[in-house]
Each structure stands twice: as C-alpha cells, then as structure tokens.
C-alpha cells in the first residue's frame, strides 16, 4: 500500500495574493456540506481555529504554524476527534499545507494533507471530502471578485 500524502493541485488565473486571501477565509470555503462550524481565527501565524461537522462527528483543531504571505500556509492539527473511525484522533499531529506559486502565467495551489495517506482509516472519506471542498468551494471562491466580506 502506498504511503503518499493526499495532494491536490488547483490552477487559476488569479494572483498569488488573491489565492492566499481566499485560503485564509476558511469559513467561506470549508463549509456548505455537513453543517460545519468554524470557531476562532485563521489568518495570522499562531492563530487557532476549530472545525466541527455533522453534529460533531468530525472535529479538528488547527494552529497556523507557518504563514508566508502569497506563498504558503501550514496548519498543524493539534487535536482531532472522529466519531466514525476506530482511531478517533487520527488527524492529530498531521499538517495541512497550502503552497502557492506562479508558473507559465498561472497561479498553482498545491494542497497537501501531510499524514493523510491511504494507510489511515479515514482516507477513503477524507480524501474525497478535501477534493470536494477544494474544487467546489475554494477554487470558485478564488475565482470570484468579491470573495471577502
């Protein structure tokens, strides 16, 4: 079985600054499917926020441990509690990484959930969920002009 981390690349014509701003607006894109609740701040280094979905069946707490404007954001998952798998704290200690770069006139966003591999129990549900949020929520948010309210 492969141990590759879950990774997804998104391409846009928007600037790295616009991509960075959209990622930081977590409430706008990490929501809309499972009655999600996000509490806390998600913009600056050392900000912490919690994510809860489906009535608390999925809970995680994130801390921003690296913030390089227009280039990179890293969340460290400091706590997790998943009511639908045996190892309920499976995400604790993993990292969610957003890397932004420009190539051939387009902005590339490489999303990696370091520690989310096919070897972990939630991979079969978490990988498709990340794909859904990133492609159907974050990318459209990036591509809209009035994304920050």
N, C-alpha and C. Protein backbone atom coordinates (compact mmCIF):
# COMPACT_ATOMS: atom_id res chain seq x y z
N UNK A 1 0.84 -1.18 0.00
CA UNK A 1 0.00 0.00 0.00
C UNK A 1 0.89 1.24 0.00
N UNK A 2 0.48 2.24 -0.77
CA UNK A 2 1.25 3.47 -0.87
C UNK A 2 1.13 4.30 0.42
N UNK A 3 2.15 5.06 0.71
CA UNK A 3 2.12 5.92 1.88
C UNK A 3 2.14 7.39 1.48
N UNK A 4 1.76 7.68 0.24
CA UNK A 4 1.76 9.05 -0.24
C UNK A 4 0.73 9.89 0.47
N UNK A 5 1.12 11.11 0.83
CA UNK A 5 0.19 12.07 1.42
C UNK A 5 -0.83 12.50 0.39
N UNK A 6 -2.05 12.82 0.85
CA UNK A 6 -3.06 13.34 -0.07
C UNK A 6 -2.62 14.70 -0.57
N UNK A 7 -2.61 14.85 -1.89
CA UNK A 7 -2.21 16.10 -2.53
C UNK A 7 -3.16 16.40 -3.68
N UNK A 8 -3.47 17.67 -3.85
CA UNK A 8 -4.32 18.12 -4.96
C UNK A 8 -3.80 19.47 -5.43
N UNK A 9 -3.70 19.66 -6.74
CA UNK A 9 -3.24 20.92 -7.31
C UNK A 9 -4.39 21.62 -8.00
N UNK A 10 -4.53 22.90 -7.72
CA UNK A 10 -5.53 23.75 -8.37
C UNK A 10 -4.80 24.82 -9.17
N UNK A 11 -5.35 25.17 -10.32
CA UNK A 11 -4.78 26.21 -11.17
C UNK A 11 -5.79 27.34 -11.32
N UNK A 12 -5.29 28.57 -11.35
CA UNK A 12 -6.16 29.72 -11.52
C UNK A 12 -5.41 30.84 -12.23
N UNK A 13 -6.17 31.76 -12.78
CA UNK A 13 -5.57 32.95 -13.39
C UNK A 13 -5.44 34.07 -12.37
N UNK A 14 -5.98 33.89 -11.18
CA UNK A 14 -5.89 34.90 -10.13
C UNK A 14 -4.46 34.98 -9.60
N UNK A 15 -4.16 36.07 -8.92
CA UNK A 15 -2.80 36.29 -8.42
C UNK A 15 -2.54 35.45 -7.17
N UNK A 16 -1.27 35.21 -6.84
CA UNK A 16 -0.96 34.53 -5.58
C UNK A 16 -1.58 35.24 -4.37
N UNK A 17 -1.63 36.56 -4.39
CA UNK A 17 -2.22 37.30 -3.27
C UNK A 17 -3.71 36.99 -3.15
N UNK A 18 -4.41 36.89 -4.26
CA UNK A 18 -5.83 36.56 -4.23
C UNK A 18 -6.06 35.13 -3.74
N UNK A 19 -5.19 34.22 -4.15
CA UNK A 19 -5.29 32.83 -3.69
C UNK A 19 -5.05 32.76 -2.18
N UNK A 20 -4.02 33.45 -1.73
CA UNK A 20 -3.69 33.48 -0.31
C UNK A 20 -4.86 34.02 0.52
N UNK A 21 -5.47 35.10 0.07
CA UNK A 21 -6.61 35.69 0.77
C UNK A 21 -7.77 34.71 0.86
N UNK A 22 -8.04 34.03 -0.22
CA UNK A 22 -9.17 33.08 -0.24
C UNK A 22 -8.92 31.93 0.73
N UNK A 23 -7.71 31.38 0.74
CA UNK A 23 -7.39 30.29 1.66
C UNK A 23 -7.61 30.74 3.11
N UNK A 24 -7.21 31.95 3.42
CA UNK A 24 -7.32 32.49 4.77
C UNK A 24 -8.77 32.68 5.21
N UNK A 25 -9.67 32.75 4.25
CA UNK A 25 -11.09 32.94 4.53
C UNK A 25 -11.77 31.56 4.69
N UNK A 26 -11.28 30.80 5.66
CA UNK A 26 -11.67 29.39 5.85
C UNK A 26 -13.18 29.20 5.95
N UNK A 27 -13.86 30.09 6.65
CA UNK A 27 -15.32 29.94 6.83
C UNK A 27 -16.06 29.92 5.51
N UNK A 28 -15.52 30.60 4.51
CA UNK A 28 -16.20 30.68 3.21
C UNK A 28 -16.06 29.42 2.37
N UNK A 29 -14.97 28.68 2.54
CA UNK A 29 -14.79 27.53 1.65
C UNK A 29 -14.84 26.18 2.35
N UNK A 30 -14.53 26.10 3.65
CA UNK A 30 -14.56 24.80 4.34
C UNK A 30 -15.93 24.66 5.01
N UNK A 31 -16.97 24.81 4.21
CA UNK A 31 -18.33 24.76 4.73
C UNK A 31 -19.30 24.50 3.58
N UNK A 32 -20.54 24.18 3.97
CA UNK A 32 -21.59 24.05 2.97
C UNK A 32 -22.04 22.64 2.67
N UNK A 33 -21.46 21.65 3.32
CA UNK A 33 -21.83 20.27 3.02
C UNK A 33 -22.37 19.49 4.23
N UNK A 34 -21.82 19.74 5.41
CA UNK A 34 -22.13 18.89 6.57
C UNK A 34 -22.41 19.70 7.84
N UNK A 35 -23.15 20.80 7.73
CA UNK A 35 -23.45 21.66 8.89
C UNK A 35 -22.17 22.01 9.67
N UNK A 36 -21.16 22.48 8.96
CA UNK A 36 -19.87 22.80 9.55
C UNK A 36 -19.94 24.01 10.48
N UNK A 37 -19.14 23.99 11.51
CA UNK A 37 -18.96 25.13 12.40
C UNK A 37 -17.47 25.38 12.55
N UNK A 38 -17.08 26.63 12.34
CA UNK A 38 -15.67 27.01 12.47
C UNK A 38 -15.59 28.12 13.50
N UNK A 39 -14.77 27.90 14.51
CA UNK A 39 -14.61 28.87 15.60
C UNK A 39 -13.13 29.26 15.70
N UNK A 40 -12.88 30.56 15.87
CA UNK A 40 -11.51 31.02 16.02
C UNK A 40 -11.03 31.78 14.80
N UNK A 41 -9.74 32.08 14.80
CA UNK A 41 -9.15 32.86 13.70
C UNK A 41 -8.25 31.98 12.84
N UNK A 42 -8.16 32.33 11.56
CA UNK A 42 -7.41 31.51 10.60
C UNK A 42 -6.61 32.35 9.62
N UNK A 43 -6.03 33.44 10.10
CA UNK A 43 -5.35 34.37 9.20
C UNK A 43 -3.85 34.50 9.50
N UNK A 44 -3.51 34.70 10.76
CA UNK A 44 -2.13 35.03 11.13
C UNK A 44 -1.40 33.87 11.80
N UNK A 45 -0.08 33.95 11.80
CA UNK A 45 0.75 32.96 12.47
C UNK A 45 0.28 32.79 13.91
N UNK A 46 0.17 31.55 14.35
CA UNK A 46 -0.27 31.16 15.69
C UNK A 46 -1.77 31.29 15.93
N UNK A 47 -2.54 31.75 14.94
CA UNK A 47 -4.00 31.71 15.07
C UNK A 47 -4.42 30.26 15.22
N UNK A 48 -5.52 30.03 15.94
CA UNK A 48 -6.06 28.69 16.10
C UNK A 48 -7.55 28.73 15.82
N UNK A 49 -8.04 27.65 15.19
CA UNK A 49 -9.46 27.55 14.94
C UNK A 49 -9.88 26.09 14.99
N UNK A 50 -11.15 25.89 15.31
CA UNK A 50 -11.68 24.53 15.33
C UNK A 50 -12.67 24.36 14.19
N UNK A 51 -12.78 23.14 13.74
CA UNK A 51 -13.70 22.76 12.67
C UNK A 51 -14.53 21.60 13.20
N UNK A 52 -15.84 21.73 13.10
CA UNK A 52 -16.73 20.66 13.52
C UNK A 52 -17.76 20.45 12.43
N UNK A 53 -18.07 19.20 12.14
CA UNK A 53 -19.04 18.90 11.08
C UNK A 53 -19.92 17.74 11.49
N UNK A 54 -21.08 17.67 10.85
CA UNK A 54 -22.02 16.57 11.03
C UNK A 54 -22.36 16.35 12.50
N UNK A 55 -22.68 17.43 13.18
CA UNK A 55 -23.08 17.32 14.57
C UNK A 55 -21.96 16.91 15.50
N UNK A 56 -20.73 17.20 15.12
CA UNK A 56 -19.59 16.88 15.97
C UNK A 56 -18.93 15.54 15.68
N UNK A 57 -19.42 14.82 14.68
CA UNK A 57 -18.82 13.53 14.32
C UNK A 57 -17.39 13.72 13.80
N UNK A 58 -17.13 14.88 13.21
CA UNK A 58 -15.78 15.24 12.74
C UNK A 58 -15.38 16.52 13.47
N UNK A 59 -14.33 16.45 14.28
CA UNK A 59 -13.82 17.63 14.98
C UNK A 59 -12.31 17.68 14.80
N UNK A 60 -11.81 18.88 14.51
CA UNK A 60 -10.36 19.07 14.50
C UNK A 60 -10.05 20.50 14.92
N UNK A 61 -8.86 20.67 15.50
CA UNK A 61 -8.36 21.99 15.90
C UNK A 61 -7.06 22.22 15.15
N UNK A 62 -6.96 23.38 14.53
CA UNK A 62 -5.82 23.72 13.71
C UNK A 62 -5.10 24.93 14.28
N UNK A 63 -3.77 24.93 14.16
CA UNK A 63 -2.95 26.08 14.52
C UNK A 63 -2.11 26.46 13.31
N UNK A 64 -2.10 27.73 12.96
CA UNK A 64 -1.29 28.19 11.84
C UNK A 64 0.16 28.25 12.31
N UNK A 65 1.01 27.36 11.80
CA UNK A 65 2.39 27.27 12.24
C UNK A 65 3.38 27.85 11.22
N UNK A 66 2.89 28.14 10.03
CA UNK A 66 3.72 28.80 9.02
C UNK A 66 2.81 29.63 8.13
N UNK A 67 3.14 30.91 8.01
CA UNK A 67 2.38 31.82 7.15
C UNK A 67 3.38 32.70 6.40
N UNK A 68 3.49 32.47 5.12
CA UNK A 68 4.35 33.28 4.25
C UNK A 68 3.42 33.92 3.23
N UNK A 69 3.11 35.22 3.39
CA UNK A 69 2.12 35.86 2.53
C UNK A 69 2.34 35.57 1.04
N UNK A 70 1.24 35.18 0.40
CA UNK A 70 1.17 34.91 -1.04
C UNK A 70 1.99 33.70 -1.48
N UNK A 71 2.53 32.90 -0.51
CA UNK A 71 3.35 31.74 -0.87
C UNK A 71 2.95 30.45 -0.15
N UNK A 72 2.68 30.52 1.16
CA UNK A 72 2.48 29.28 1.90
C UNK A 72 1.72 29.50 3.20
N UNK A 73 0.85 28.54 3.52
CA UNK A 73 0.16 28.48 4.80
C UNK A 73 0.23 27.03 5.27
N UNK A 74 0.58 26.83 6.54
CA UNK A 74 0.62 25.48 7.11
C UNK A 74 -0.19 25.47 8.40
N UNK A 75 -1.13 24.52 8.46
CA UNK A 75 -1.89 24.28 9.69
C UNK A 75 -1.36 23.01 10.33
N UNK A 76 -1.12 23.04 11.62
CA UNK A 76 -0.84 21.84 12.39
C UNK A 76 -2.14 21.43 13.07
N UNK A 77 -2.55 20.19 12.89
CA UNK A 77 -3.75 19.70 13.55
C UNK A 77 -3.33 19.32 14.98
N UNK A 78 -3.80 20.09 15.95
CA UNK A 78 -3.38 19.89 17.34
C UNK A 78 -4.33 18.98 18.12
N UNK A 79 -5.52 18.76 17.58
CA UNK A 79 -6.50 17.89 18.23
C UNK A 79 -7.49 17.41 17.18
N UNK A 80 -7.96 16.19 17.33
CA UNK A 80 -8.99 15.69 16.43
C UNK A 80 -9.79 14.61 17.14
N UNK A 81 -11.05 14.51 16.72
CA UNK A 81 -11.94 13.51 17.29
C UNK A 81 -12.96 13.15 16.22
N UNK A 82 -12.78 11.96 15.65
CA UNK A 82 -13.66 11.49 14.58
C UNK A 82 -14.52 10.36 15.12
N UNK A 83 -15.82 10.57 15.16
CA UNK A 83 -16.72 9.59 15.73
C UNK A 83 -17.01 8.40 14.84
N UNK A 84 -16.45 8.37 13.64
CA UNK A 84 -16.80 7.31 12.69
C UNK A 84 -15.64 6.36 12.38
N UNK A 85 -14.52 6.49 13.11
CA UNK A 85 -13.39 5.59 12.89
C UNK A 85 -12.85 5.11 14.24
N UNK A 86 -12.09 4.04 14.21
CA UNK A 86 -11.56 3.44 15.44
C UNK A 86 -10.54 4.35 16.12
N UNK A 87 -9.56 4.87 15.34
CA UNK A 87 -8.54 5.76 15.90
C UNK A 87 -9.06 7.19 15.78
N UNK A 88 -9.80 7.61 16.77
CA UNK A 88 -10.55 8.86 16.71
C UNK A 88 -9.68 10.11 16.55
N UNK A 89 -8.41 10.03 16.96
CA UNK A 89 -7.51 11.19 16.87
C UNK A 89 -6.54 11.07 15.68
N UNK A 90 -6.99 10.41 14.66
CA UNK A 90 -6.13 10.10 13.50
C UNK A 90 -5.47 11.33 12.87
N UNK A 91 -6.12 12.46 12.88
CA UNK A 91 -5.55 13.66 12.28
C UNK A 91 -4.57 14.38 13.20
N UNK A 92 -4.61 14.15 14.49
CA UNK A 92 -3.76 14.88 15.43
C UNK A 92 -2.29 14.69 15.07
N UNK A 93 -1.59 15.81 14.93
CA UNK A 93 -0.18 15.77 14.55
C UNK A 93 0.07 15.84 13.06
N UNK A 94 -0.98 15.79 12.25
CA UNK A 94 -0.81 15.92 10.80
C UNK A 94 -0.77 17.41 10.44
N UNK A 95 -0.37 17.70 9.21
CA UNK A 95 -0.29 19.08 8.74
C UNK A 95 -1.07 19.25 7.45
N UNK A 96 -1.71 20.39 7.33
CA UNK A 96 -2.41 20.79 6.11
C UNK A 96 -1.59 21.93 5.52
N UNK A 97 -1.12 21.73 4.28
CA UNK A 97 -0.16 22.65 3.68
C UNK A 97 -0.74 23.21 2.37
N UNK A 98 -0.70 24.53 2.25
CA UNK A 98 -1.12 25.22 1.03
C UNK A 98 0.12 25.92 0.47
N UNK A 99 0.59 25.50 -0.70
CA UNK A 99 1.76 26.11 -1.32
C UNK A 99 1.33 26.80 -2.61
N UNK A 100 1.68 28.08 -2.73
CA UNK A 100 1.25 28.91 -3.85
C UNK A 100 2.47 29.30 -4.67
N UNK A 101 2.37 29.13 -5.99
CA UNK A 101 3.47 29.54 -6.87
C UNK A 101 2.90 29.97 -8.21
N UNK A 102 3.73 30.66 -8.97
CA UNK A 102 3.34 31.07 -10.32
C UNK A 102 4.16 30.29 -11.33
N UNK A 103 3.47 29.75 -12.34
CA UNK A 103 4.14 29.03 -13.41
C UNK A 103 3.39 29.28 -14.71
N UNK A 104 4.12 29.69 -15.72
CA UNK A 104 3.57 29.87 -17.06
C UNK A 104 2.30 30.70 -17.06
N UNK A 105 2.31 31.79 -16.32
CA UNK A 105 1.19 32.72 -16.32
C UNK A 105 -0.01 32.31 -15.49
N UNK A 106 0.11 31.23 -14.75
CA UNK A 106 -0.99 30.78 -13.89
C UNK A 106 -0.49 30.63 -12.46
N UNK A 107 -1.42 30.75 -11.53
CA UNK A 107 -1.09 30.52 -10.13
C UNK A 107 -1.43 29.08 -9.80
N UNK A 108 -0.48 28.38 -9.23
CA UNK A 108 -0.66 26.98 -8.83
C UNK A 108 -0.82 26.94 -7.31
N UNK A 109 -1.84 26.26 -6.86
CA UNK A 109 -2.02 26.00 -5.44
C UNK A 109 -1.89 24.50 -5.24
N UNK A 110 -0.87 24.11 -4.51
CA UNK A 110 -0.67 22.70 -4.19
C UNK A 110 -1.11 22.50 -2.74
N UNK A 111 -2.15 21.70 -2.57
CA UNK A 111 -2.68 21.37 -1.26
C UNK A 111 -2.16 20.00 -0.88
N UNK A 112 -1.60 19.88 0.31
CA UNK A 112 -1.13 18.59 0.82
C UNK A 112 -1.61 18.42 2.24
N UNK A 113 -2.23 17.27 2.52
CA UNK A 113 -2.52 16.93 3.91
C UNK A 113 -1.48 15.89 4.29
N UNK A 114 -0.42 16.36 4.94
CA UNK A 114 0.70 15.51 5.32
C UNK A 114 0.27 14.61 6.49
N UNK A 115 0.27 13.33 6.23
CA UNK A 115 -0.19 12.37 7.23
C UNK A 115 -1.51 11.71 6.84
N UNK A 116 -2.19 12.30 5.87
CA UNK A 116 -3.40 11.67 5.34
C UNK A 116 -2.96 10.80 4.15
N UNK A 117 -2.77 9.53 4.42
CA UNK A 117 -2.30 8.57 3.42
C UNK A 117 -3.31 7.45 3.28
N UNK A 118 -3.23 6.66 2.22
CA UNK A 118 -4.15 5.53 2.07
C UNK A 118 -4.06 4.52 3.21
N UNK A 119 -3.01 4.58 4.01
CA UNK A 119 -2.85 3.64 5.12
C UNK A 119 -3.72 4.00 6.33
N UNK A 120 -4.25 5.23 6.40
CA UNK A 120 -5.06 5.62 7.55
C UNK A 120 -6.54 5.38 7.27
N UNK A 121 -7.27 5.11 8.32
CA UNK A 121 -8.66 4.68 8.18
C UNK A 121 -9.55 5.70 7.49
N UNK A 122 -9.40 6.97 7.79
CA UNK A 122 -10.33 7.95 7.23
C UNK A 122 -10.00 8.36 5.80
N UNK A 123 -8.93 7.82 5.23
CA UNK A 123 -8.53 8.25 3.88
C UNK A 123 -9.68 8.14 2.87
N UNK A 124 -10.42 7.04 2.93
CA UNK A 124 -11.49 6.79 1.94
C UNK A 124 -12.61 7.82 2.01
N UNK A 125 -12.79 8.47 3.16
CA UNK A 125 -13.80 9.53 3.26
C UNK A 125 -13.16 10.91 3.26
N UNK A 126 -11.98 11.05 3.86
CA UNK A 126 -11.35 12.36 3.97
C UNK A 126 -10.79 12.87 2.64
N UNK A 127 -10.15 12.02 1.86
CA UNK A 127 -9.58 12.46 0.58
C UNK A 127 -10.68 12.98 -0.37
N UNK A 128 -11.79 12.26 -0.55
CA UNK A 128 -12.85 12.81 -1.40
C UNK A 128 -13.47 14.08 -0.83
N UNK A 129 -13.55 14.17 0.49
CA UNK A 129 -14.09 15.39 1.10
C UNK A 129 -13.19 16.58 0.84
N UNK A 130 -11.87 16.40 1.04
CA UNK A 130 -10.95 17.50 0.73
C UNK A 130 -11.10 17.91 -0.74
N UNK A 131 -11.17 16.94 -1.64
CA UNK A 131 -11.31 17.24 -3.07
C UNK A 131 -12.57 18.07 -3.32
N UNK A 132 -13.66 17.68 -2.69
CA UNK A 132 -14.93 18.39 -2.84
C UNK A 132 -14.82 19.83 -2.34
N UNK A 133 -14.28 20.03 -1.15
CA UNK A 133 -14.14 21.39 -0.61
C UNK A 133 -13.19 22.23 -1.47
N UNK A 134 -12.09 21.66 -1.89
CA UNK A 134 -11.09 22.42 -2.65
C UNK A 134 -11.59 22.77 -4.05
N UNK A 135 -12.14 21.80 -4.76
CA UNK A 135 -12.58 22.05 -6.14
C UNK A 135 -13.90 22.80 -6.22
N UNK A 136 -14.83 22.49 -5.32
CA UNK A 136 -16.17 23.05 -5.43
C UNK A 136 -16.40 24.28 -4.57
N UNK A 137 -15.53 24.52 -3.60
CA UNK A 137 -15.69 25.67 -2.70
C UNK A 137 -14.52 26.65 -2.79
N UNK A 138 -13.29 26.14 -2.56
CA UNK A 138 -12.14 27.05 -2.56
C UNK A 138 -11.85 27.62 -3.95
N UNK A 139 -11.79 26.79 -4.96
CA UNK A 139 -11.46 27.30 -6.30
C UNK A 139 -12.49 28.33 -6.79
N UNK A 140 -13.79 28.09 -6.66
CA UNK A 140 -14.74 29.14 -7.04
C UNK A 140 -14.58 30.41 -6.20
N UNK A 141 -14.25 30.27 -4.92
CA UNK A 141 -14.02 31.45 -4.08
C UNK A 141 -12.82 32.23 -4.60
N UNK A 142 -11.75 31.54 -4.94
CA UNK A 142 -10.57 32.18 -5.51
C UNK A 142 -10.95 32.95 -6.77
N UNK A 143 -11.76 32.33 -7.61
CA UNK A 143 -12.06 32.89 -8.93
C UNK A 143 -13.14 33.96 -8.94
N UNK A 144 -13.76 34.27 -7.79
CA UNK A 144 -14.75 35.33 -7.74
C UNK A 144 -14.09 36.62 -7.31
N UNK A 145 -14.63 37.73 -7.78
CA UNK A 145 -14.02 39.02 -7.47
C UNK A 145 -14.33 39.49 -6.06
N UNK A 146 -15.56 39.33 -5.60
CA UNK A 146 -15.97 39.85 -4.29
C UNK A 146 -15.99 38.73 -3.27
N UNK A 147 -14.84 38.13 -3.03
CA UNK A 147 -14.81 36.95 -2.18
C UNK A 147 -14.73 37.27 -0.69
N UNK A 148 -14.22 38.41 -0.30
CA UNK A 148 -14.07 38.70 1.13
C UNK A 148 -15.17 39.65 1.57
N UNK A 149 -15.89 39.23 2.59
CA UNK A 149 -16.98 40.09 3.07
C UNK A 149 -16.61 40.73 4.38
